[in-house]
Amino acid sequence: MKSFLTAVVIAATALAPAAYADCSYPRAPTHLPDGNTATLAEMLAAQKVVKSYNEEMTAYLSCIKLERDSRVAQAGDKLTKQQKQELEAIEAQKNNAAVDQLHSVADQFNAQVKIFKAKDKKSD
């Protein structure tokens, strides 16, 4: 089964058009400010970074979907139902991993925002 899956992946890669061959996985922000010590400017800058990351991840998700759709269309009748399902499973796995990472970054940032806002209320 693994050798079959490998053959499907290799065949699908060979069928991929150059336009979608490089869906670049975005890098997650490497540093999010600590809500306990961050300034408003640092929090706003981090918000921009997280929003940009979200946009890059959205573009990546679109790219992998287009890549899969293109591979399926280009293969046409040459692709068996099982091969098509395997391509869909690969795309779904990539999608789910990317969405999980995006949610993790957003959750981390939102936790720091909550801490920052709570700190702000205490100083009033």
PDB file of N, CA and C in Angstrom:
ATOM      1  N   MET A   1       0.822  -1.189   0.000  1.00  0.00           N
ATOM      2  CA  MET A   1       0.000   0.000   0.000  1.00  0.00           C
ATOM      3  C   MET A   1       0.873   1.262   0.000  1.00  0.00           C
ATOM      4  N   LYS A   2       1.959   1.245   0.794  1.00  0.00           N
ATOM      5  CA  LYS A   2       2.834   2.406   0.845  1.00  0.00           C
ATOM      6  C   LYS A   2       3.497   2.659  -0.499  1.00  0.00           C
ATOM      7  N   SER A   3       3.886   1.580  -1.180  1.00  0.00           N
ATOM      8  CA  SER A   3       4.517   1.767  -2.483  1.00  0.00           C
ATOM      9  C   SER A   3       3.512   2.308  -3.489  1.00  0.00           C
ATOM     10  N   PHE A   4       2.251   1.899  -3.361  1.00  0.00           N
ATOM     11  CA  PHE A   4       1.207   2.433  -4.237  1.00  0.00           C
ATOM     12  C   PHE A   4       1.017   3.923  -3.986  1.00  0.00           C
ATOM     13  N   LEU A   5       0.951   4.295  -2.710  1.00  0.00           N
ATOM     14  CA  LEU A   5       0.794   5.702  -2.352  1.00  0.00           C
ATOM     15  C   LEU A   5       1.984   6.515  -2.848  1.00  0.00           C
ATOM     16  N   THR A   6       3.169   5.972  -2.702  1.00  0.00           N
ATOM     17  CA  THR A   6       4.361   6.653  -3.195  1.00  0.00           C
ATOM     18  C   THR A   6       4.273   6.856  -4.694  1.00  0.00           C
ATOM     19  N   ALA A   7       3.815   5.843  -5.405  1.00  0.00           N
ATOM     20  CA  ALA A   7       3.671   5.955  -6.860  1.00  0.00           C
ATOM     21  C   ALA A   7       2.652   7.023  -7.218  1.00  0.00           C
ATOM     22  N   VAL A   8       1.576   7.103  -6.458  1.00  0.00           N
ATOM     23  CA  VAL A   8       0.546   8.118  -6.708  1.00  0.00           C
ATOM     24  C   VAL A   8       1.128   9.509  -6.494  1.00  0.00           C
ATOM     25  N   VAL A   9       1.864   9.682  -5.412  1.00  0.00           N
ATOM     26  CA  VAL A   9       2.451  10.988  -5.115  1.00  0.00           C
ATOM     27  C   VAL A   9       3.455  11.377  -6.187  1.00  0.00           C
ATOM     28  N   ILE A  10       4.290  10.441  -6.596  1.00  0.00           N
ATOM     29  CA  ILE A  10       5.276  10.731  -7.643  1.00  0.00           C
ATOM     30  C   ILE A  10       4.577  11.065  -8.951  1.00  0.00           C
ATOM     31  N   ALA A  11       3.561  10.295  -9.307  1.00  0.00           N
ATOM     32  CA  ALA A  11       2.821  10.563 -10.537  1.00  0.00           C
ATOM     33  C   ALA A  11       2.120  11.914 -10.458  1.00  0.00           C
ATOM     34  N   ALA A  12       1.545  12.205  -9.324  1.00  0.00           N
ATOM     35  CA  ALA A  12       0.841  13.480  -9.172  1.00  0.00           C
ATOM     36  C   ALA A  12       1.811  14.645  -9.253  1.00  0.00           C
ATOM     37  N   THR A  13       2.974  14.483  -8.673  1.00  0.00           N
ATOM     38  CA  THR A  13       3.973  15.544  -8.734  1.00  0.00           C
ATOM     39  C   THR A  13       4.422  15.780 -10.167  1.00  0.00           C
ATOM     40  N   ALA A  14       4.561  14.732 -10.909  1.00  0.00           N
ATOM     41  CA  ALA A  14       4.978  14.864 -12.306  1.00  0.00           C
ATOM     42  C   ALA A  14       3.904  15.551 -13.139  1.00  0.00           C
ATOM     43  N   LEU A  15       2.657  15.395 -12.740  1.00  0.00           N
ATOM     44  CA  LEU A  15       1.555  15.986 -13.487  1.00  0.00           C
ATOM     45  C   LEU A  15       1.288  17.432 -13.098  1.00  0.00           C
ATOM     46  N   ALA A  16       1.875  17.887 -12.013  1.00  0.00           N
ATOM     47  CA  ALA A  16       1.576  19.227 -11.506  1.00  0.00           C
ATOM     48  C   ALA A  16       2.105  20.300 -12.445  1.00  0.00           C
ATOM     49  N   PRO A  17       1.300  21.305 -12.714  1.00  0.00           N
ATOM     50  CA  PRO A  17       1.782  22.406 -13.526  1.00  0.00           C
ATOM     51  C   PRO A  17       2.755  23.263 -12.742  1.00  0.00           C
ATOM     52  N   ALA A  18       3.640  23.913 -13.433  1.00  0.00           N
ATOM     53  CA  ALA A  18       4.668  24.728 -12.785  1.00  0.00           C
ATOM     54  C   ALA A  18       4.060  25.853 -11.959  1.00  0.00           C
ATOM     55  N   ALA A  19       2.916  26.353 -12.357  1.00  0.00           N
ATOM     56  CA  ALA A  19       2.305  27.484 -11.659  1.00  0.00           C
ATOM     57  C   ALA A  19       1.994  27.165 -10.203  1.00  0.00           C
ATOM     58  N   TYR A  20       1.680  25.919  -9.894  1.00  0.00           N
ATOM     59  CA  TYR A  20       1.305  25.558  -8.535  1.00  0.00           C
ATOM     60  C   TYR A  20       2.351  24.693  -7.854  1.00  0.00           C
ATOM     61  N   ALA A  21       3.479  24.510  -8.493  1.00  0.00           N
ATOM     62  CA  ALA A  21       4.482  23.588  -7.990  1.00  0.00           C
ATOM     63  C   ALA A  21       5.157  24.089  -6.717  1.00  0.00           C
ATOM     64  N   ASP A  22       5.012  25.337  -6.413  1.00  0.00           N
ATOM     65  CA  ASP A  22       5.717  25.883  -5.257  1.00  0.00           C
ATOM     66  C   ASP A  22       4.766  26.602  -4.310  1.00  0.00           C
ATOM     67  N   CYS A  23       3.952  25.838  -3.628  1.00  0.00           N
ATOM     68  CA  CYS A  23       3.097  26.421  -2.595  1.00  0.00           C
ATOM     69  C   CYS A  23       3.971  26.575  -1.361  1.00  0.00           C
ATOM     70  N   SER A  24       4.415  27.779  -1.112  1.00  0.00           N
ATOM     71  CA  SER A  24       5.342  28.038  -0.009  1.00  0.00           C
ATOM     72  C   SER A  24       4.599  28.083   1.315  1.00  0.00           C
ATOM     73  N   TYR A  25       5.012  27.213   2.213  1.00  0.00           N
ATOM     74  CA  TYR A  25       4.405  27.165   3.546  1.00  0.00           C
ATOM     75  C   TYR A  25       4.896  28.370   4.340  1.00  0.00           C
ATOM     76  N   PRO A  26       3.979  29.206   4.796  1.00  0.00           N
ATOM     77  CA  PRO A  26       4.408  30.419   5.513  1.00  0.00           C
ATOM     78  C   PRO A  26       5.042  30.106   6.858  1.00  0.00           C
ATOM     79  N   ARG A  27       5.994  30.945   7.210  1.00  0.00           N
ATOM     80  CA  ARG A  27       6.635  30.801   8.520  1.00  0.00           C
ATOM     81  C   ARG A  27       5.765  31.475   9.580  1.00  0.00           C
ATOM     82  N   ALA A  28       5.594  30.778  10.662  1.00  0.00           N
ATOM     83  CA  ALA A  28       4.849  31.338  11.786  1.00  0.00           C
ATOM     84  C   ALA A  28       5.698  32.427  12.434  1.00  0.00           C
ATOM     85  N   PRO A  29       5.053  33.417  13.036  1.00  0.00           N
ATOM     86  CA  PRO A  29       5.821  34.442  13.747  1.00  0.00           C
ATOM     87  C   PRO A  29       6.714  33.787  14.802  1.00  0.00           C
ATOM     88  N   THR A  30       7.951  34.248  14.863  1.00  0.00           N
ATOM     89  CA  THR A  30       8.903  33.635  15.795  1.00  0.00           C
ATOM     90  C   THR A  30       8.830  34.247  17.186  1.00  0.00           C
ATOM     91  N   HIS A  31       8.258  35.433  17.279  1.00  0.00           N
ATOM     92  CA  HIS A  31       8.191  36.085  18.585  1.00  0.00           C
ATOM     93  C   HIS A  31       6.868  36.824  18.724  1.00  0.00           C
ATOM     94  N   LEU A  32       6.164  36.501  19.785  1.00  0.00           N
ATOM     95  CA  LEU A  32       4.966  37.250  20.154  1.00  0.00           C
ATOM     96  C   LEU A  32       5.259  37.897  21.502  1.00  0.00           C
ATOM     97  N   PRO A  33       4.858  39.144  21.667  1.00  0.00           N
ATOM     98  CA  PRO A  33       5.187  39.833  22.918  1.00  0.00           C
ATOM     99  C   PRO A  33       4.488  39.220  24.125  1.00  0.00           C
ATOM    100  N   ASP A  34       5.116  39.406  25.261  1.00  0.00           N
ATOM    101  CA  ASP A  34       4.548  38.983  26.538  1.00  0.00           C
ATOM    102  C   ASP A  34       3.565  40.057  26.981  1.00  0.00           C
ATOM    103  N   GLY A  35       2.322  39.686  27.139  1.00  0.00           N
ATOM    104  CA  GLY A  35       1.286  40.639  27.527  1.00  0.00           C
ATOM    105  C   GLY A  35       1.545  41.324  28.855  1.00  0.00           C
ATOM    106  N   ASN A  36       2.338  40.704  29.720  1.00  0.00           N
ATOM    107  CA  ASN A  36       2.654  41.306  31.023  1.00  0.00           C
ATOM    108  C   ASN A  36       3.605  42.490  30.906  1.00  0.00           C
ATOM    109  N   THR A  37       4.476  42.472  29.896  1.00  0.00           N
ATOM    110  CA  THR A  37       5.512  43.491  29.807  1.00  0.00           C
ATOM    111  C   THR A  37       5.460  44.316  28.519  1.00  0.00           C
ATOM    112  N   ALA A  38       4.652  43.902  27.566  1.00  0.00           N
ATOM    113  CA  ALA A  38       4.624  44.561  26.254  1.00  0.00           C
ATOM    114  C   ALA A  38       3.984  45.940  26.321  1.00  0.00           C
ATOM    115  N   THR A  39       4.438  46.793  25.417  1.00  0.00           N
ATOM    116  CA  THR A  39       3.814  48.101  25.257  1.00  0.00           C
ATOM    117  C   THR A  39       2.674  47.970  24.251  1.00  0.00           C
ATOM    118  N   LEU A  40       1.862  49.003  24.193  1.00  0.00           N
ATOM    119  CA  LEU A  40       0.773  49.008  23.219  1.00  0.00           C
ATOM    120  C   LEU A  40       1.342  48.918  21.799  1.00  0.00           C
ATOM    121  N   ALA A  41       2.418  49.632  21.540  1.00  0.00           N
ATOM    122  CA  ALA A  41       3.043  49.604  20.216  1.00  0.00           C
ATOM    123  C   ALA A  41       3.510  48.189  19.853  1.00  0.00           C
ATOM    124  N   GLU A  42       4.079  47.470  20.819  1.00  0.00           N
ATOM    125  CA  GLU A  42       4.525  46.100  20.560  1.00  0.00           C
ATOM    126  C   GLU A  42       3.342  45.173  20.282  1.00  0.00           C
ATOM    127  N   MET A  43       2.265  45.370  21.012  1.00  0.00           N
ATOM    128  CA  MET A  43       1.077  44.542  20.794  1.00  0.00           C
ATOM    129  C   MET A  43       0.465  44.829  19.419  1.00  0.00           C
ATOM    130  N   LEU A  44       0.426  46.092  19.032  1.00  0.00           N
ATOM    131  CA  LEU A  44      -0.128  46.448  17.721  1.00  0.00           C
ATOM    132  C   LEU A  44       0.757  45.927  16.587  1.00  0.00           C
ATOM    133  N   ALA A  45       2.060  45.977  16.780  1.00  0.00           N
ATOM    134  CA  ALA A  45       2.984  45.443  15.777  1.00  0.00           C
ATOM    135  C   ALA A  45       2.798  43.927  15.649  1.00  0.00           C
ATOM    136  N   ALA A  46       2.640  43.253  16.760  1.00  0.00           N
ATOM    137  CA  ALA A  46       2.417  41.807  16.740  1.00  0.00           C
ATOM    138  C   ALA A  46       1.094  41.471  16.065  1.00  0.00           C
ATOM    139  N   GLN A  47       0.101  42.314  16.292  1.00  0.00           N
ATOM    140  CA  GLN A  47      -1.197  42.099  15.644  1.00  0.00           C
ATOM    141  C   GLN A  47      -1.043  42.148  14.123  1.00  0.00           C
ATOM    142  N   LYS A  48      -0.256  43.089  13.632  1.00  0.00           N
ATOM    143  CA  LYS A  48      -0.008  43.180  12.188  1.00  0.00           C
ATOM    144  C   LYS A  48       0.704  41.938  11.678  1.00  0.00           C
ATOM    145  N   VAL A  49       1.674  41.454  12.441  1.00  0.00           N
ATOM    146  CA  VAL A  49       2.417  40.255  12.045  1.00  0.00           C
ATOM    147  C   VAL A  49       1.485  39.044  11.985  1.00  0.00           C
ATOM    148  N   VAL A  50       0.622  38.909  12.974  1.00  0.00           N
ATOM    149  CA  VAL A  50      -0.303  37.777  13.015  1.00  0.00           C
ATOM    150  C   VAL A  50      -1.313  37.873  11.864  1.00  0.00           C
ATOM    151  N   LYS A  51      -1.796  39.073  11.583  1.00  0.00           N
ATOM    152  CA  LYS A  51      -2.723  39.251  10.450  1.00  0.00           C
ATOM    153  C   LYS A  51      -2.038  38.915   9.129  1.00  0.00           C
ATOM    154  N   SER A  52      -0.800  39.328   8.972  1.00  0.00           N
ATOM    155  CA  SER A  52      -0.046  39.024   7.761  1.00  0.00           C
ATOM    156  C   SER A  52       0.154  37.512   7.631  1.00  0.00           C
ATOM    157  N   TYR A  53       0.475  36.862   8.723  1.00  0.00           N
ATOM    158  CA  TYR A  53       0.638  35.408   8.731  1.00  0.00           C
ATOM    159  C   TYR A  53      -0.664  34.727   8.321  1.00  0.00           C
ATOM    160  N   ASN A  54      -1.776  35.226   8.822  1.00  0.00           N
ATOM    161  CA  ASN A  54      -3.080  34.684   8.467  1.00  0.00           C
ATOM    162  C   ASN A  54      -3.324  34.807   6.956  1.00  0.00           C
ATOM    163  N   GLU A  55      -2.993  35.959   6.393  1.00  0.00           N
ATOM    164  CA  GLU A  55      -3.163  36.173   4.954  1.00  0.00           C
ATOM    165  C   GLU A  55      -2.259  35.235   4.153  1.00  0.00           C
ATOM    166  N   GLU A  56      -1.020  35.076   4.597  1.00  0.00           N
ATOM    167  CA  GLU A  56      -0.091  34.170   3.914  1.00  0.00           C
ATOM    168  C   GLU A  56      -0.578  32.724   3.986  1.00  0.00           C
ATOM    169  N   MET A  57      -1.124  32.344   5.133  1.00  0.00           N
ATOM    170  CA  MET A  57      -1.630  30.980   5.295  1.00  0.00           C
ATOM    171  C   MET A  57      -2.869  30.759   4.429  1.00  0.00           C
ATOM    172  N   THR A  58      -3.709  31.767   4.323  1.00  0.00           N
ATOM    173  CA  THR A  58      -4.887  31.673   3.458  1.00  0.00           C
ATOM    174  C   THR A  58      -4.456  31.474   2.006  1.00  0.00           C
ATOM    175  N   ALA A  59      -3.434  32.201   1.587  1.00  0.00           N
ATOM    176  CA  ALA A  59      -2.903  32.048   0.221  1.00  0.00           C
ATOM    177  C   ALA A  59      -2.329  30.641   0.036  1.00  0.00           C
ATOM    178  N   TYR A  60      -1.628  30.133   1.031  1.00  0.00           N
ATOM    179  CA  TYR A  60      -1.066  28.778   0.963  1.00  0.00           C
ATOM    180  C   TYR A  60      -2.186  27.748   0.829  1.00  0.00           C
ATOM    181  N   LEU A  61      -3.238  27.889   1.617  1.00  0.00           N
ATOM    182  CA  LEU A  61      -4.350  26.943   1.562  1.00  0.00           C
ATOM    183  C   LEU A  61      -5.017  26.965   0.186  1.00  0.00           C
ATOM    184  N   SER A  62      -5.156  28.135  -0.374  1.00  0.00           N
ATOM    185  CA  SER A  62      -5.711  28.251  -1.731  1.00  0.00           C
ATOM    186  C   SER A  62      -4.785  27.584  -2.741  1.00  0.00           C
ATOM    187  N   CYS A  63      -3.507  27.783  -2.572  1.00  0.00           N
ATOM    188  CA  CYS A  63      -2.515  27.219  -3.491  1.00  0.00           C
ATOM    189  C   CYS A  63      -2.556  25.694  -3.490  1.00  0.00           C
ATOM    190  N   ILE A  64      -2.602  25.079  -2.305  1.00  0.00           N
ATOM    191  CA  ILE A  64      -2.597  23.613  -2.279  1.00  0.00           C
ATOM    192  C   ILE A  64      -3.895  23.048  -2.848  1.00  0.00           C
ATOM    193  N   LYS A  65      -4.990  23.775  -2.676  1.00  0.00           N
ATOM    194  CA  LYS A  65      -6.256  23.332  -3.279  1.00  0.00           C
ATOM    195  C   LYS A  65      -6.174  23.439  -4.801  1.00  0.00           C
ATOM    196  N   LEU A  66      -5.656  24.549  -5.304  1.00  0.00           N
ATOM    197  CA  LEU A  66      -5.494  24.709  -6.748  1.00  0.00           C
ATOM    198  C   LEU A  66      -4.542  23.659  -7.317  1.00  0.00           C
ATOM    199  N   GLU A  67      -3.496  23.382  -6.570  1.00  0.00           N
ATOM    200  CA  GLU A  67      -2.529  22.380  -6.992  1.00  0.00           C
ATOM    201  C   GLU A  67      -3.197  21.014  -7.136  1.00  0.00           C
ATOM    202  N   ARG A  68      -3.977  20.625  -6.140  1.00  0.00           N
ATOM    203  CA  ARG A  68      -4.680  19.340  -6.197  1.00  0.00           C
ATOM    204  C   ARG A  68      -5.682  19.313  -7.348  1.00  0.00           C
ATOM    205  N   ASP A  69      -6.477  20.371  -7.468  1.00  0.00           N
ATOM    206  CA  ASP A  69      -7.473  20.442  -8.542  1.00  0.00           C
ATOM    207  C   ASP A  69      -6.819  20.361  -9.916  1.00  0.00           C
ATOM    208  N   SER A  70      -5.693  21.029 -10.066  1.00  0.00           N
ATOM    209  CA  SER A  70      -4.973  21.028 -11.332  1.00  0.00           C
ATOM    210  C   SER A  70      -4.431  19.638 -11.656  1.00  0.00           C
ATOM    211  N   ARG A  71      -3.885  18.984 -10.647  1.00  0.00           N
ATOM    212  CA  ARG A  71      -3.362  17.627 -10.858  1.00  0.00           C
ATOM    213  C   ARG A  71      -4.474  16.674 -11.287  1.00  0.00           C
ATOM    214  N   VAL A  72      -5.616  16.776 -10.628  1.00  0.00           N
ATOM    215  CA  VAL A  72      -6.748  15.916 -10.959  1.00  0.00           C
ATOM    216  C   VAL A  72      -7.235  16.213 -12.374  1.00  0.00           C
ATOM    217  N   ALA A  73      -7.375  17.486 -12.701  1.00  0.00           N
ATOM    218  CA  ALA A  73      -7.858  17.863 -14.036  1.00  0.00           C
ATOM    219  C   ALA A  73      -6.883  17.448 -15.123  1.00  0.00           C
ATOM    220  N   GLN A  74      -5.608  17.646 -14.874  1.00  0.00           N
ATOM    221  CA  GLN A  74      -4.603  17.321 -15.885  1.00  0.00           C
ATOM    222  C   GLN A  74      -4.512  15.813 -16.114  1.00  0.00           C
ATOM    223  N   ALA A  75      -4.691  15.026 -15.066  1.00  0.00           N
ATOM    224  CA  ALA A  75      -4.623  13.576 -15.203  1.00  0.00           C
ATOM    225  C   ALA A  75      -5.858  13.030 -15.912  1.00  0.00           C
ATOM    226  N   GLY A  76      -6.976  13.734 -15.742  1.00  0.00           N
ATOM    227  CA  GLY A  76      -8.209  13.318 -16.415  1.00  0.00           C
ATOM    228  C   GLY A  76      -8.614  11.905 -16.066  1.00  0.00           C
ATOM    229  N   ASP A  77      -8.873  11.112 -17.109  1.00  0.00           N
ATOM    230  CA  ASP A  77      -9.334   9.732 -16.932  1.00  0.00           C
ATOM    231  C   ASP A  77      -8.223   8.787 -16.503  1.00  0.00           C
ATOM    232  N   LYS A  78      -6.986   9.231 -16.534  1.00  0.00           N
ATOM    233  CA  LYS A  78      -5.857   8.380 -16.159  1.00  0.00           C
ATOM    234  C   LYS A  78      -5.832   8.100 -14.654  1.00  0.00           C
ATOM    235  N   LEU A  79      -6.496   8.945 -13.893  1.00  0.00           N
ATOM    236  CA  LEU A  79      -6.498   8.830 -12.444  1.00  0.00           C
ATOM    237  C   LEU A  79      -7.639   7.920 -11.995  1.00  0.00           C
ATOM    238  N   THR A  80      -7.306   6.911 -11.206  1.00  0.00           N
ATOM    239  CA  THR A  80      -8.354   6.037 -10.676  1.00  0.00           C
ATOM    240  C   THR A  80      -9.053   6.756  -9.522  1.00  0.00           C
ATOM    241  N   LYS A  81     -10.177   6.234  -9.133  1.00  0.00           N
ATOM    242  CA  LYS A  81     -10.920   6.808  -8.013  1.00  0.00           C
ATOM    243  C   LYS A  81     -10.056   6.805  -6.742  1.00  0.00           C
ATOM    244  N   GLN A  82      -9.325   5.722  -6.544  1.00  0.00           N
ATOM    245  CA  GLN A  82      -8.469   5.620  -5.359  1.00  0.00           C
ATOM    246  C   GLN A  82      -7.327   6.634  -5.414  1.00  0.00           C
ATOM    247  N   GLN A  83      -6.732   6.820  -6.573  1.00  0.00           N
ATOM    248  CA  GLN A  83      -5.654   7.800  -6.715  1.00  0.00           C
ATOM    249  C   GLN A  83      -6.179   9.211  -6.441  1.00  0.00           C
ATOM    250  N   LYS A  84      -7.354   9.497  -6.932  1.00  0.00           N
ATOM    251  CA  LYS A  84      -7.965  10.810  -6.683  1.00  0.00           C
ATOM    252  C   LYS A  84      -8.219  11.001  -5.190  1.00  0.00           C
ATOM    253  N   GLN A  85      -8.701   9.960  -4.544  1.00  0.00           N
ATOM    254  CA  GLN A  85      -8.935  10.031  -3.101  1.00  0.00           C
ATOM    255  C   GLN A  85      -7.635  10.244  -2.338  1.00  0.00           C
ATOM    256  N   GLU A  86      -6.566   9.613  -2.800  1.00  0.00           N
ATOM    257  CA  GLU A  86      -5.258   9.787  -2.158  1.00  0.00           C
ATOM    258  C   GLU A  86      -4.775  11.227  -2.297  1.00  0.00           C
ATOM    259  N   LEU A  87      -4.943  11.807  -3.484  1.00  0.00           N
ATOM    260  CA  LEU A  87      -4.554  13.212  -3.679  1.00  0.00           C
ATOM    261  C   LEU A  87      -5.379  14.127  -2.777  1.00  0.00           C
ATOM    262  N   GLU A  88      -6.664  13.838  -2.674  1.00  0.00           N
ATOM    263  CA  GLU A  88      -7.530  14.632  -1.799  1.00  0.00           C
ATOM    264  C   GLU A  88      -7.127  14.477  -0.339  1.00  0.00           C
ATOM    265  N   ALA A  89      -6.739  13.263   0.049  1.00  0.00           N
ATOM    266  CA  ALA A  89      -6.317  13.019   1.432  1.00  0.00           C
ATOM    267  C   ALA A  89      -5.029  13.771   1.742  1.00  0.00           C
ATOM    268  N   ILE A  90      -4.105  13.800   0.794  1.00  0.00           N
ATOM    269  CA  ILE A  90      -2.848  14.531   0.989  1.00  0.00           C
ATOM    270  C   ILE A  90      -3.131  16.016   1.156  1.00  0.00           C
ATOM    271  N   GLU A  91      -3.980  16.564   0.301  1.00  0.00           N
ATOM    272  CA  GLU A  91      -4.320  17.984   0.395  1.00  0.00           C
ATOM    273  C   GLU A  91      -5.029  18.281   1.715  1.00  0.00           C
ATOM    274  N   ALA A  92      -5.930  17.396   2.126  1.00  0.00           N
ATOM    275  CA  ALA A  92      -6.641  17.590   3.393  1.00  0.00           C
ATOM    276  C   ALA A  92      -5.676  17.555   4.574  1.00  0.00           C
ATOM    277  N   GLN A  93      -4.698  16.661   4.513  1.00  0.00           N
ATOM    278  CA  GLN A  93      -3.717  16.574   5.596  1.00  0.00           C
ATOM    279  C   GLN A  93      -2.879  17.852   5.676  1.00  0.00           C
ATOM    280  N   LYS A  94      -2.436  18.342   4.519  1.00  0.00           N
ATOM    281  CA  LYS A  94      -1.679  19.601   4.490  1.00  0.00           C
ATOM    282  C   LYS A  94      -2.544  20.747   5.012  1.00  0.00           C
ATOM    283  N   ASN A  95      -3.789  20.783   4.565  1.00  0.00           N
ATOM    284  CA  ASN A  95      -4.712  21.832   4.981  1.00  0.00           C
ATOM    285  C   ASN A  95      -4.913  21.807   6.492  1.00  0.00           C
ATOM    286  N   ASN A  96      -5.210  20.640   7.023  1.00  0.00           N
ATOM    287  CA  ASN A  96      -5.495  20.516   8.450  1.00  0.00           C
ATOM    288  C   ASN A  96      -4.286  20.898   9.309  1.00  0.00           C
ATOM    289  N   ALA A  97      -3.097  20.487   8.877  1.00  0.00           N
ATOM    290  CA  ALA A  97      -1.885  20.834   9.630  1.00  0.00           C
ATOM    291  C   ALA A  97      -1.665  22.348   9.616  1.00  0.00           C
ATOM    292  N   ALA A  98      -1.884  22.969   8.468  1.00  0.00           N
ATOM    293  CA  ALA A  98      -1.701  24.419   8.359  1.00  0.00           C
ATOM    294  C   ALA A  98      -2.716  25.161   9.213  1.00  0.00           C
ATOM    295  N   VAL A  99      -3.963  24.733   9.166  1.00  0.00           N
ATOM    296  CA  VAL A  99      -5.014  25.385   9.953  1.00  0.00           C
ATOM    297  C   VAL A  99      -4.736  25.206  11.447  1.00  0.00           C
ATOM    298  N   ASP A 100      -4.278  24.023  11.839  1.00  0.00           N
ATOM    299  CA  ASP A 100      -3.945  23.794  13.252  1.00  0.00           C
ATOM    300  C   ASP A 100      -2.839  24.744  13.708  1.00  0.00           C
ATOM    301  N   GLN A 101      -1.813  24.920  12.871  1.00  0.00           N
ATOM    302  CA  GLN A 101      -0.729  25.820  13.246  1.00  0.00           C
ATOM    303  C   GLN A 101      -1.222  27.263  13.311  1.00  0.00           C
ATOM    304  N   LEU A 102      -2.040  27.656  12.351  1.00  0.00           N
ATOM    305  CA  LEU A 102      -2.597  29.003  12.344  1.00  0.00           C
ATOM    306  C   LEU A 102      -3.413  29.258  13.608  1.00  0.00           C
ATOM    307  N   HIS A 103      -4.237  28.304  13.990  1.00  0.00           N
ATOM    308  CA  HIS A 103      -5.033  28.445  15.215  1.00  0.00           C
ATOM    309  C   HIS A 103      -4.142  28.528  16.450  1.00  0.00           C
ATOM    310  N   SER A 104      -3.068  27.764  16.452  1.00  0.00           N
ATOM    311  CA  SER A 104      -2.144  27.794  17.580  1.00  0.00           C
ATOM    312  C   SER A 104      -1.520  29.182  17.744  1.00  0.00           C
ATOM    313  N   VAL A 105      -1.075  29.768  16.638  1.00  0.00           N
ATOM    314  CA  VAL A 105      -0.481  31.111  16.683  1.00  0.00           C
ATOM    315  C   VAL A 105      -1.533  32.123  17.147  1.00  0.00           C
ATOM    316  N   ALA A 106      -2.730  32.036  16.581  1.00  0.00           N
ATOM    317  CA  ALA A 106      -3.796  32.972  16.970  1.00  0.00           C
ATOM    318  C   ALA A 106      -4.149  32.820  18.445  1.00  0.00           C
ATOM    319  N   ASP A 107      -4.214  31.585  18.921  1.00  0.00           N
ATOM    320  CA  ASP A 107      -4.529  31.340  20.340  1.00  0.00           C
ATOM    321  C   ASP A 107      -3.439  31.920  21.249  1.00  0.00           C
ATOM    322  N   GLN A 108      -2.177  31.741  20.856  1.00  0.00           N
ATOM    323  CA  GLN A 108      -1.070  32.277  21.654  1.00  0.00           C
ATOM    324  C   GLN A 108      -1.141  33.805  21.705  1.00  0.00           C
ATOM    325  N   PHE A 109      -1.385  34.414  20.554  1.00  0.00           N
ATOM    326  CA  PHE A 109      -1.465  35.873  20.512  1.00  0.00           C
ATOM    327  C   PHE A 109      -2.664  36.358  21.325  1.00  0.00           C
ATOM    328  N   ASN A 110      -3.807  35.730  21.152  1.00  0.00           N
ATOM    329  CA  ASN A 110      -5.011  36.148  21.882  1.00  0.00           C
ATOM    330  C   ASN A 110      -4.834  36.012  23.392  1.00  0.00           C
ATOM    331  N   ALA A 111      -4.108  35.000  23.830  1.00  0.00           N
ATOM    332  CA  ALA A 111      -3.827  34.845  25.261  1.00  0.00           C
ATOM    333  C   ALA A 111      -2.997  36.026  25.767  1.00  0.00           C
ATOM    334  N   GLN A 112      -2.024  36.468  24.973  1.00  0.00           N
ATOM    335  CA  GLN A 112      -1.198  37.610  25.381  1.00  0.00           C
ATOM    336  C   GLN A 112      -2.006  38.918  25.353  1.00  0.00           C
ATOM    337  N   VAL A 113      -2.919  39.032  24.408  1.00  0.00           N
ATOM    338  CA  VAL A 113      -3.799  40.213  24.361  1.00  0.00           C
ATOM    339  C   VAL A 113      -4.657  40.261  25.620  1.00  0.00           C
ATOM    340  N   LYS A 114      -5.179  39.124  26.011  1.00  0.00           N
ATOM    341  CA  LYS A 114      -6.015  39.048  27.221  1.00  0.00           C
ATOM    342  C   LYS A 114      -5.207  39.472  28.451  1.00  0.00           C
ATOM    343  N   ILE A 115      -3.983  38.985  28.552  1.00  0.00           N
ATOM    344  CA  ILE A 115      -3.102  39.355  29.665  1.00  0.00           C
ATOM    345  C   ILE A 115      -2.818  40.854  29.620  1.00  0.00           C
ATOM    346  N   PHE A 116      -2.527  41.364  28.432  1.00  0.00           N
ATOM    347  CA  PHE A 116      -2.227  42.790  28.259  1.00  0.00           C
ATOM    348  C   PHE A 116      -3.413  43.649  28.695  1.00  0.00           C
ATOM    349  N   LYS A 117      -4.596  43.275  28.276  1.00  0.00           N
ATOM    350  CA  LYS A 117      -5.797  44.049  28.636  1.00  0.00           C
ATOM    351  C   LYS A 117      -6.077  43.974  30.136  1.00  0.00           C
ATOM    352  N   ALA A 118      -5.866  42.810  30.734  1.00  0.00           N
ATOM    353  CA  ALA A 118      -6.073  42.661  32.175  1.00  0.00           C
ATOM    354  C   ALA A 118      -5.074  43.517  32.942  1.00  0.00           C
ATOM    355  N   LYS A 119      -3.850  43.572  32.458  1.00  0.00           N
ATOM    356  CA  LYS A 119      -2.810  44.396  33.081  1.00  0.00           C
ATOM    357  C   LYS A 119      -3.193  45.860  33.001  1.00  0.00           C
ATOM    358  N   ASP A 120      -3.707  46.264  31.863  1.00  0.00           N
ATOM    359  CA  ASP A 120      -4.145  47.641  31.627  1.00  0.00           C
ATOM    360  C   ASP A 120      -5.266  48.040  32.584  1.00  0.00           C
ATOM    361  N   LYS A 121      -6.210  47.121  32.823  1.00  0.00           N
ATOM    362  CA  LYS A 121      -7.335  47.410  33.724  1.00  0.00           C
ATOM    363  C   LYS A 121      -6.871  47.558  35.170  1.00  0.00           C
ATOM    364  N   LYS A 122      -5.872  46.766  35.564  1.00  0.00           N
ATOM    365  CA  LYS A 122      -5.359  46.842  36.928  1.00  0.00           C
ATOM    366  C   LYS A 122      -4.673  48.173  37.203  1.00  0.00           C
ATOM    367  N   SER A 123      -4.074  48.762  36.169  1.00  0.00           N
ATOM    368  CA  SER A 123      -3.334  50.013  36.365  1.00  0.00           C
ATOM    369  C   SER A 123      -4.253  51.234  36.373  1.00  0.00           C
ATOM    370  N   ASP A 124      -5.543  51.039  36.065  1.00  0.00           N
ATOM    371  CA  ASP A 124      -6.489  52.179  36.068  1.00  0.00           C
ATOM    372  C   ASP A 124      -6.812  52.654  37.440  1.00  0.00           C
TER     373      ASP A 124
END
